[in-house]
Amino acid sequence: MSWDVLLLHLPDGISPAQEVPEDYAPPPLGPRQEILAAVGRAVPEADLSDPTWGELLGPGWSMELNIGSKDPVDSIMLHIRGSGDDVLAPVFRLAEALRCKVLDCAEGHLLTPCQTSSRHAFQQFRDRVVGLSRRDLPVPALTSPAHPEPPSSLEALLPPGRTVTSDEGHGGEQPLWLSDQPATAGLWERVHAEHTRSGLWPLLLDPLDSDDDEFRPWGSGEIFPERMSSPASHDPEGVLAQWWATYTAADEDDDMLSSERRLAVTAPFGQNWPGLAPGRGTATNADRLAAEYAQSFLSDHPQSRLGLVAAASGADALTAAGWSGPANYENDTAKFSAIVRDWERRFGARVVAVGFSTLHLSVAAPPTAEEDALLVAAEHFAFCPDNVWQGSRPCTLAGYAKRITGAHHWDFWWD
């Protein structure tokens, strides 16, 4: 999970101890090109190859600069992960260059260059929530009689549930909390709103068979976090390019597709990996869209239950939970998480629901042009070839690209 601070203009008279008034509307930081130039001067080591979302790496921390695509730029959100007070140096270099204030989003007050208490408080919170062993995942306490006084607003939201122990590892891994009954309307949205405080990402979990009392794979513990690597250790484009090469290559053991037909499926690219699609800026609120999609998904899948996973994002939750839906193609879910992480950044994707071998994302900034849609379709084919091979006719990349153009949710299914 990240420590989030906001760079914005605030009145000079406001003191660090004061909270920012809720009705205050700050003026913009400035024209987009001027802001990007100022950021480049303040932190020249930052990667601004994507001018909407920069990245800065330190010795023990990483920082994402959410600049957005608006012109002028209203504010810049900094998502900070890791530890070390030295991260404050670039934060205040940016603030000085942009002539703005630094707001701690968790505490709701301003930071000064010599103030580290908020940083330390966040580190303690992060270590307590995300750094716990999964055996100590904090969710069981939410329904425990030993805790009659709810320590946070999240506890009041949750229905009865239990932790699920992985089927592997002799009971040492409990990566998931699962509600006992189907999720109710609006529950995903309310729990998701608490994520920045709780560190727990909500998932709508769909079973393999709605009539199965075990609620496989979730209730039965068919989840295997022990097998997974870290999403951070995989390059999204490198993984996609490798999978693309595998799925477009001639397969002597496959008598379903001739070489010509296989190339026709992925036309106009054939066997040539076309590279990643460009990200798109959007005025759509990705979290609000995710909440709307969660409600729609629950209407179509009323048997779905709420799952909670200690994870910084929905992409990371897939690996942390030990989900193995694409196991017939790849056993290491961390590779899929790395790609979904990148989609979160480029397209405002959010992981909303997961099934036995299905994955459902909301998408705030889908492709709208034919050229971009084809590139996204190529990524989807490499990520989940069954979406094209066994999807709606025509079972071609071009046909699939038309179906996802402008679509605000992406659904994947692995055979």
Protein backbone atom coordinates (compact mmCIF):
# COMPACT_ATOMS: atom_id res chain seq x y z
CA MET A 1 0.00 0.00 0.00
CA SER A 2 1.12 3.57 -0.50
CA TRP A 3 1.47 6.69 1.59
CA ASP A 4 -0.32 9.36 -0.44
CA VAL A 5 0.52 13.05 -0.32
CA LEU A 6 -0.97 15.77 -2.49
CA LEU A 7 0.86 18.75 -3.99
CA LEU A 8 -1.55 21.67 -4.39
CA HIS A 9 -2.01 25.38 -3.89
CA LEU A 10 -3.36 26.42 -0.49
CA PRO A 11 -3.72 29.80 1.25
CA ASP A 12 -0.49 31.07 2.79
CA GLY A 13 -2.19 31.66 6.12
CA ILE A 14 -3.09 28.04 6.79
CA SER A 15 -0.87 26.36 9.36
CA PRO A 16 0.44 22.76 9.30
CA ALA A 17 -1.77 21.84 12.24
CA GLN A 18 -4.94 23.02 10.54
CA GLU A 19 -7.11 20.77 8.44
CA VAL A 20 -7.90 21.94 4.92
CA PRO A 21 -11.50 23.19 4.70
CA GLU A 22 -13.72 20.71 2.87
CA ASP A 23 -15.23 23.40 0.64
CA TYR A 24 -11.89 24.89 -0.41
CA ALA A 25 -11.26 24.81 -4.18
CA PRO A 26 -7.53 25.30 -4.84
CA PRO A 27 -6.38 27.10 -7.98
CA PRO A 28 -4.47 24.99 -10.54
CA LEU A 29 -0.73 24.50 -10.25
CA GLY A 30 -0.20 25.86 -13.75
CA PRO A 31 -0.08 25.04 -17.47
CA ARG A 32 0.76 21.42 -18.17
CA GLN A 33 3.99 21.98 -20.10
CA GLU A 34 5.32 24.36 -17.44
CA ILE A 35 4.49 21.88 -14.68
CA LEU A 36 6.21 19.00 -16.49
CA ALA A 37 9.29 21.19 -17.01
CA ALA A 38 9.33 22.15 -13.33
CA VAL A 39 9.01 18.53 -12.25
CA GLY A 40 11.88 17.57 -14.55
CA ARG A 41 14.09 20.23 -13.00
CA ALA A 42 13.17 19.34 -9.42
CA VAL A 43 13.63 15.57 -9.81
CA PRO A 44 15.65 15.02 -13.00
CA GLU A 45 16.07 11.35 -12.09
CA ALA A 46 12.31 10.76 -12.43
CA ASP A 47 11.02 8.74 -15.37
CA LEU A 48 8.50 10.95 -17.20
CA SER A 49 8.25 8.85 -20.35
CA ASP A 50 4.55 8.72 -19.49
CA PRO A 51 3.87 12.40 -18.76
CA THR A 52 0.62 11.54 -16.97
CA TRP A 53 2.23 9.15 -14.47
CA GLY A 54 5.90 9.60 -13.54
CA GLU A 55 8.05 7.22 -11.52
CA LEU A 56 10.91 7.94 -9.14
CA LEU A 57 13.04 5.31 -7.39
CA GLY A 58 15.05 5.82 -4.20
CA PRO A 59 17.34 3.54 -2.17
CA GLY A 60 14.51 2.09 -0.09
CA TRP A 61 11.38 3.58 -1.60
CA SER A 62 9.51 4.25 -4.82
CA MET A 63 7.28 7.15 -5.76
CA GLU A 64 4.60 7.41 -8.43
CA LEU A 65 3.71 10.92 -9.61
CA ASN A 66 0.07 11.05 -10.66
CA ILE A 67 0.15 14.17 -12.83
CA GLY A 68 -2.86 13.32 -14.97
CA SER A 69 -3.70 14.67 -18.40
CA LYS A 70 -5.56 17.88 -17.55
CA ASP A 71 -4.31 21.24 -18.77
CA PRO A 72 -3.82 23.18 -16.58
CA VAL A 73 -2.70 20.72 -13.92
CA ASP A 74 -4.85 21.01 -10.80
CA SER A 75 -2.63 19.04 -8.41
CA ILE A 76 -0.16 16.16 -8.28
CA MET A 77 -0.72 13.09 -6.12
CA LEU A 78 2.40 11.27 -4.92
CA HIS A 79 2.02 7.56 -4.12
CA ILE A 80 4.99 6.59 -1.92
CA ARG A 81 5.95 3.02 -1.07
CA GLY A 82 8.84 1.72 0.99
CA SER A 83 10.61 3.33 3.93
CA GLY A 84 13.16 6.00 4.77
CA ASP A 85 12.79 9.68 5.63
CA ASP A 86 15.02 10.58 2.67
CA VAL A 87 11.94 10.33 0.46
CA LEU A 88 10.82 13.66 1.91
CA ALA A 89 13.68 15.48 0.14
CA PRO A 90 12.30 15.04 -3.40
CA VAL A 91 8.76 15.67 -2.11
CA PHE A 92 9.73 19.13 -0.88
CA ARG A 93 11.94 19.84 -3.91
CA LEU A 94 8.81 19.32 -5.97
CA ALA A 95 6.75 21.50 -3.65
CA GLU A 96 9.33 24.30 -3.86
CA ALA A 97 9.57 24.08 -7.65
CA LEU A 98 5.79 24.18 -8.00
CA ARG A 99 5.35 26.81 -5.24
CA CYS A 100 2.74 24.67 -3.53
CA LYS A 101 1.93 22.93 -0.26
CA VAL A 102 2.24 19.26 0.74
CA LEU A 103 -0.91 17.66 2.14
CA ASP A 104 -0.82 14.33 3.98
CA CYS A 105 -3.95 12.60 2.64
CA ALA A 106 -4.12 10.14 5.53
CA GLU A 107 -3.92 12.76 8.29
CA GLY A 108 -5.59 15.62 6.43
CA HIS A 109 -3.00 18.25 7.39
CA LEU A 110 0.02 19.92 5.89
CA LEU A 111 3.58 18.67 6.08
CA THR A 112 6.73 20.71 6.58
CA PRO A 113 10.28 19.72 5.55
CA CYS A 114 11.25 18.92 9.12
CA GLN A 115 8.10 17.00 9.97
CA THR A 116 8.37 13.20 9.83
CA SER A 117 5.69 12.14 12.32
CA SER A 118 3.09 11.47 9.63
CA ARG A 119 5.60 9.41 7.65
CA HIS A 120 6.44 7.34 10.71
CA ALA A 121 2.78 6.88 11.58
CA PHE A 122 2.10 5.60 8.09
CA GLN A 123 5.04 3.19 8.22
CA GLN A 124 3.74 1.74 11.47
CA PHE A 125 0.27 1.39 9.99
CA ARG A 126 1.62 -0.25 6.82
CA ASP A 127 3.77 -2.69 8.76
CA ARG A 128 0.83 -3.57 10.99
CA VAL A 129 -1.56 -4.25 8.09
CA VAL A 130 0.40 -5.30 5.03
CA GLY A 131 3.51 -6.56 6.82
CA LEU A 132 1.56 -9.02 8.91
CA SER A 133 1.97 -12.68 8.21
CA ARG A 134 -1.17 -13.94 6.55
CA ARG A 135 -1.91 -15.94 9.67
CA ASP A 136 -2.35 -12.58 11.39
CA LEU A 137 -4.43 -11.01 8.65
CA PRO A 138 -6.43 -8.47 10.61
CA VAL A 139 -9.83 -9.36 9.21
CA PRO A 140 -10.70 -12.23 11.62
CA ALA A 141 -10.75 -9.71 14.46
CA LEU A 142 -13.48 -7.82 12.64
CA THR A 143 -16.11 -10.36 13.65
CA SER A 144 -14.51 -11.66 16.83
CA PRO A 145 -16.44 -11.41 20.13
CA ALA A 146 -13.13 -10.38 21.70
CA HIS A 147 -13.38 -7.04 19.88
CA PRO A 148 -16.80 -5.61 20.75
CA GLU A 149 -15.63 -2.05 20.07
CA PRO A 150 -14.90 -1.63 16.34
CA PRO A 151 -11.51 0.11 15.93
CA SER A 152 -12.37 1.34 12.43
CA SER A 153 -15.37 2.07 10.27
CA LEU A 154 -14.60 -0.98 8.13
CA GLU A 155 -15.64 -3.37 10.88
CA ALA A 156 -19.17 -2.02 10.98
CA LEU A 157 -19.55 -2.69 7.26
CA LEU A 158 -18.62 -6.35 7.17
CA PRO A 159 -21.05 -9.27 7.32
CA PRO A 160 -20.11 -12.50 9.13
CA GLY A 161 -17.19 -14.32 7.52
CA ARG A 162 -14.03 -16.33 8.06
CA THR A 163 -10.42 -16.58 7.00
CA VAL A 164 -9.59 -19.21 4.40
CA THR A 165 -6.51 -21.39 4.78
CA SER A 166 -4.56 -22.34 1.69
CA ASP A 167 -4.84 -25.98 0.69
CA GLU A 168 -1.06 -26.06 0.59
CA GLY A 169 1.53 -25.38 3.28
CA HIS A 170 0.05 -27.15 6.33
CA GLY A 171 -2.26 -24.31 7.31
CA GLY A 172 0.38 -21.62 7.56
CA GLU A 173 -1.12 -19.40 4.87
CA GLN A 174 -4.43 -17.61 5.35
CA PRO A 175 -4.43 -15.12 2.49
CA LEU A 176 -8.16 -14.46 2.25
CA TRP A 177 -11.18 -13.47 4.29
CA LEU A 178 -14.49 -14.67 2.83
CA SER A 179 -18.02 -13.62 3.73
CA ASP A 180 -20.37 -16.42 4.74
CA GLN A 181 -23.19 -15.22 2.50
CA PRO A 182 -23.49 -13.46 -0.87
CA ALA A 183 -22.44 -9.82 -0.97
CA THR A 184 -25.19 -7.23 -0.66
CA ALA A 185 -25.77 -4.24 -2.93
CA GLY A 186 -23.23 -1.46 -2.41
CA LEU A 187 -20.98 -3.52 -0.12
CA TRP A 188 -18.01 -3.59 -2.52
CA GLU A 189 -18.12 0.19 -2.91
CA ARG A 190 -18.27 0.86 0.83
CA VAL A 191 -15.44 -1.52 1.65
CA HIS A 192 -13.34 -0.26 -1.26
CA ALA A 193 -13.66 3.29 0.10
CA GLU A 194 -11.87 2.08 3.25
CA HIS A 195 -8.93 0.53 1.36
CA THR A 196 -6.49 3.37 1.91
CA ARG A 197 -7.05 3.05 5.67
CA SER A 198 -7.49 -0.70 6.00
CA GLY A 199 -5.00 -1.97 3.40
CA LEU A 200 -7.58 -4.60 2.44
CA TRP A 201 -8.68 -4.86 -1.21
CA PRO A 202 -12.27 -6.09 -1.79
CA LEU A 203 -13.03 -8.72 -4.42
CA LEU A 204 -16.37 -10.07 -5.54
CA LEU A 205 -15.65 -13.80 -5.60
CA ASP A 206 -17.61 -16.03 -7.94
CA PRO A 207 -17.67 -19.83 -7.42
CA LEU A 208 -17.07 -22.54 -9.99
CA ASP A 209 -20.55 -23.90 -9.27
CA SER A 210 -23.18 -21.78 -7.56
CA ASP A 211 -24.77 -24.93 -6.07
CA ASP A 212 -21.50 -26.13 -4.52
CA ASP A 213 -21.56 -25.81 -0.72
CA GLU A 214 -17.74 -25.63 -0.68
CA PHE A 215 -17.80 -22.46 -2.78
CA ARG A 216 -14.77 -23.57 -4.80
CA PRO A 217 -12.06 -22.46 -5.10
CA TRP A 218 -12.40 -19.86 -2.38
CA GLY A 219 -14.18 -21.66 0.43
CA SER A 220 -12.31 -24.89 -0.25
CA GLY A 221 -8.90 -23.25 0.04
CA GLU A 222 -7.81 -23.98 -3.54
CA ILE A 223 -5.62 -20.89 -3.48
CA PHE A 224 -1.83 -21.07 -3.46
CA PRO A 225 0.07 -17.92 -2.50
CA GLU A 226 3.09 -20.09 -1.67
CA ARG A 227 3.64 -20.78 -5.36
CA MET A 228 3.69 -17.18 -6.51
CA SER A 229 6.59 -14.82 -7.11
CA SER A 230 6.38 -11.03 -6.77
CA PRO A 231 4.60 -8.91 -9.41
CA ALA A 232 7.43 -6.38 -9.15
CA SER A 233 9.91 -8.93 -10.52
CA HIS A 234 8.21 -9.11 -13.93
CA ASP A 235 8.28 -6.65 -16.82
CA PRO A 236 4.73 -6.40 -18.21
CA GLU A 237 5.67 -5.88 -21.84
CA GLY A 238 8.35 -8.57 -21.70
CA VAL A 239 5.85 -11.11 -20.35
CA LEU A 240 3.23 -10.18 -22.95
CA ALA A 241 5.75 -10.38 -25.79
CA GLN A 242 6.87 -13.81 -24.62
CA TRP A 243 3.31 -15.11 -24.39
CA TRP A 244 2.47 -13.58 -27.79
CA ALA A 245 5.36 -15.47 -29.37
CA THR A 246 4.16 -18.71 -27.79
CA TYR A 247 0.52 -18.40 -28.85
CA THR A 248 1.22 -17.23 -32.41
CA ALA A 249 3.83 -19.91 -33.13
CA ALA A 250 2.89 -22.96 -35.20
CA ASP A 251 1.93 -25.88 -32.98
CA GLU A 252 2.49 -29.31 -34.53
CA ASP A 253 0.34 -30.92 -31.83
CA ASP A 254 -2.59 -28.60 -32.54
CA ASP A 255 -4.71 -29.81 -35.43
CA MET A 256 -7.39 -27.16 -34.87
CA LEU A 257 -5.56 -24.32 -36.62
CA SER A 258 -3.42 -24.40 -39.74
CA SER A 259 -0.45 -22.05 -39.95
CA GLU A 260 -2.40 -19.78 -42.28
CA ARG A 261 -5.43 -19.73 -40.01
CA ARG A 262 -3.29 -19.05 -36.95
CA LEU A 263 -1.76 -16.01 -38.64
CA ALA A 264 -5.19 -14.84 -39.77
CA VAL A 265 -6.41 -14.83 -36.17
CA THR A 266 -3.82 -12.23 -35.17
CA ALA A 267 -3.89 -10.16 -38.37
CA PRO A 268 -2.71 -7.55 -39.12
CA PHE A 269 0.20 -8.38 -36.81
CA GLY A 270 0.63 -12.09 -37.55
CA GLN A 271 3.51 -13.33 -35.41
CA ASN A 272 5.02 -9.88 -34.89
CA TRP A 273 4.47 -8.49 -31.39
CA PRO A 274 3.15 -4.93 -31.99
CA GLY A 275 4.12 -3.49 -28.61
CA LEU A 276 1.99 -1.92 -25.91
CA ALA A 277 -1.00 0.29 -26.57
CA PRO A 278 -0.67 3.90 -25.40
CA GLY A 279 -2.40 4.85 -22.18
CA ARG A 280 -5.29 7.28 -22.28
CA GLY A 281 -6.07 10.18 -20.02
CA THR A 282 -9.66 10.37 -18.78
CA ALA A 283 -11.94 12.60 -16.79
CA THR A 284 -13.82 9.51 -15.57
CA ASN A 285 -13.34 8.67 -11.91
CA ALA A 286 -11.88 5.15 -12.03
CA ASP A 287 -12.99 4.22 -8.51
CA ARG A 288 -16.55 5.44 -9.04
CA LEU A 289 -16.73 3.49 -12.30
CA ALA A 290 -15.43 0.39 -10.50
CA ALA A 291 -18.18 0.74 -7.90
CA GLU A 292 -20.80 0.96 -10.66
CA TYR A 293 -19.38 -2.11 -12.35
CA ALA A 294 -19.33 -4.01 -9.05
CA GLN A 295 -23.04 -3.34 -8.67
CA SER A 296 -23.70 -4.50 -12.24
CA PHE A 297 -21.60 -7.63 -11.77
CA LEU A 298 -23.40 -8.51 -8.56
CA SER A 299 -26.76 -8.16 -10.30
CA ASP A 300 -25.65 -10.74 -12.87
CA HIS A 301 -23.84 -12.96 -10.33
CA PRO A 302 -25.95 -12.73 -7.15
CA GLN A 303 -24.16 -15.72 -5.61
CA SER A 304 -20.85 -13.82 -5.42
CA ARG A 305 -19.38 -13.28 -1.96
CA LEU A 306 -17.07 -10.60 -0.63
CA GLY A 307 -13.39 -11.44 -0.27
CA LEU A 308 -10.74 -9.28 1.40
CA VAL A 309 -7.01 -9.48 0.70
CA ALA A 310 -4.19 -7.47 2.26
CA ALA A 311 -2.84 -5.83 -0.90
CA ALA A 312 -1.91 -2.40 -2.25
CA SER A 313 -4.15 -2.79 -5.30
CA GLY A 314 -6.49 -5.18 -7.04
CA ALA A 315 -3.67 -6.35 -9.29
CA ASP A 316 -1.55 -7.28 -6.28
CA ALA A 317 -4.54 -8.93 -4.59
CA LEU A 318 -4.64 -11.61 -7.29
CA THR A 319 -1.17 -12.81 -6.31
CA ALA A 320 -1.57 -12.23 -2.57
CA ALA A 321 -4.75 -14.31 -2.57
CA GLY A 322 -3.03 -17.14 -4.42
CA TRP A 323 -5.57 -17.20 -7.26
CA SER A 324 -4.60 -19.71 -9.96
CA GLY A 325 -7.29 -19.24 -12.60
CA PRO A 326 -4.93 -19.20 -15.63
CA ALA A 327 -3.00 -22.27 -14.39
CA ASN A 328 -3.53 -24.17 -17.66
CA TYR A 329 -1.35 -21.52 -19.31
CA GLU A 330 0.87 -20.16 -16.51
CA ASN A 331 1.19 -21.15 -12.85
CA ASP A 332 2.69 -17.88 -11.57
CA THR A 333 -0.14 -15.40 -11.05
CA ALA A 334 2.41 -12.65 -10.31
CA LYS A 335 3.01 -12.31 -14.05
CA PHE A 336 -0.67 -11.55 -14.60
CA SER A 337 -0.62 -9.14 -11.66
CA ALA A 338 2.30 -7.26 -13.22
CA ILE A 339 0.28 -6.74 -16.41
CA VAL A 340 -2.89 -5.72 -14.58
CA ARG A 341 -0.77 -3.25 -12.56
CA ASP A 342 0.23 -1.68 -15.87
CA TRP A 343 -3.39 -1.56 -17.02
CA GLU A 344 -4.31 0.16 -13.76
CA ARG A 345 -1.80 2.85 -14.69
CA ARG A 346 -2.51 3.15 -18.42
CA PHE A 347 -6.27 2.58 -18.58
CA GLY A 348 -7.60 3.22 -15.07
CA ALA A 349 -8.40 -0.49 -14.68
CA ARG A 350 -9.64 -1.85 -11.34
CA VAL A 351 -9.94 -5.50 -10.32
CA VAL A 352 -13.54 -5.94 -9.22
CA ALA A 353 -14.41 -9.65 -9.43
CA VAL A 354 -12.63 -13.00 -9.78
CA GLY A 355 -13.97 -16.48 -10.49
CA PHE A 356 -12.48 -19.96 -10.61
CA SER A 357 -10.87 -19.15 -13.98
CA THR A 358 -12.31 -15.73 -14.76
CA LEU A 359 -11.21 -12.16 -14.12
CA HIS A 360 -13.34 -9.02 -14.35
CA LEU A 361 -11.96 -5.48 -14.52
CA SER A 362 -13.59 -2.08 -14.76
CA VAL A 363 -11.83 0.24 -17.21
CA ALA A 364 -12.03 4.02 -16.93
CA ALA A 365 -10.12 4.81 -20.15
CA PRO A 366 -10.76 2.11 -22.77
CA PRO A 367 -9.47 2.47 -26.34
CA THR A 368 -11.76 4.48 -28.59
CA ALA A 369 -9.79 4.51 -31.85
CA GLU A 370 -9.47 1.44 -34.09
CA GLU A 371 -5.67 1.53 -34.09
CA ASP A 372 -5.47 1.66 -30.29
CA ALA A 373 -8.16 -0.99 -29.89
CA LEU A 374 -6.15 -3.40 -32.07
CA LEU A 375 -3.09 -2.90 -29.85
CA VAL A 376 -5.14 -3.48 -26.71
CA ALA A 377 -6.67 -6.56 -28.34
CA ALA A 378 -3.15 -7.86 -28.95
CA GLU A 379 -2.35 -7.41 -25.25
CA HIS A 380 -5.55 -9.24 -24.33
CA PHE A 381 -4.73 -12.10 -26.70
CA ALA A 382 -1.30 -12.54 -25.12
CA PHE A 383 -2.83 -12.24 -21.64
CA CYS A 384 -5.76 -14.59 -22.29
CA PRO A 385 -5.81 -16.22 -25.76
CA ASP A 386 -9.12 -17.97 -25.06
CA ASN A 387 -10.84 -14.57 -25.18
CA VAL A 388 -10.12 -14.59 -28.92
CA TRP A 389 -9.78 -18.29 -29.76
CA GLN A 390 -13.02 -19.23 -28.02
CA GLY A 391 -14.78 -15.88 -27.90
CA SER A 392 -17.60 -14.45 -29.97
CA ARG A 393 -17.35 -14.80 -33.72
CA PRO A 394 -15.45 -13.77 -35.68
CA CYS A 395 -12.66 -15.28 -33.56
CA THR A 396 -10.05 -12.82 -34.75
CA LEU A 397 -8.09 -9.99 -33.21
CA ALA A 398 -9.89 -7.47 -35.42
CA GLY A 399 -13.30 -8.77 -34.38
CA TYR A 400 -12.30 -8.72 -30.71
CA ALA A 401 -10.94 -5.17 -31.05
CA LYS A 402 -14.34 -3.93 -32.22
CA ARG A 403 -16.01 -5.51 -29.20
CA ILE A 404 -13.73 -3.82 -26.67
CA THR A 405 -13.71 -0.37 -28.30
CA GLY A 406 -15.19 1.99 -25.74
CA ALA A 407 -16.04 -0.89 -23.37
CA HIS A 408 -15.74 0.03 -19.69
CA HIS A 409 -15.16 -3.50 -18.46
CA TRP A 410 -12.81 -6.27 -19.56
CA ASP A 411 -13.67 -9.90 -18.85
CA PHE A 412 -11.22 -12.80 -19.21
CA TRP A 413 -11.75 -16.55 -19.22
CA TRP A 414 -9.12 -19.27 -19.34
CA ASP A 415 -10.12 -22.77 -20.48
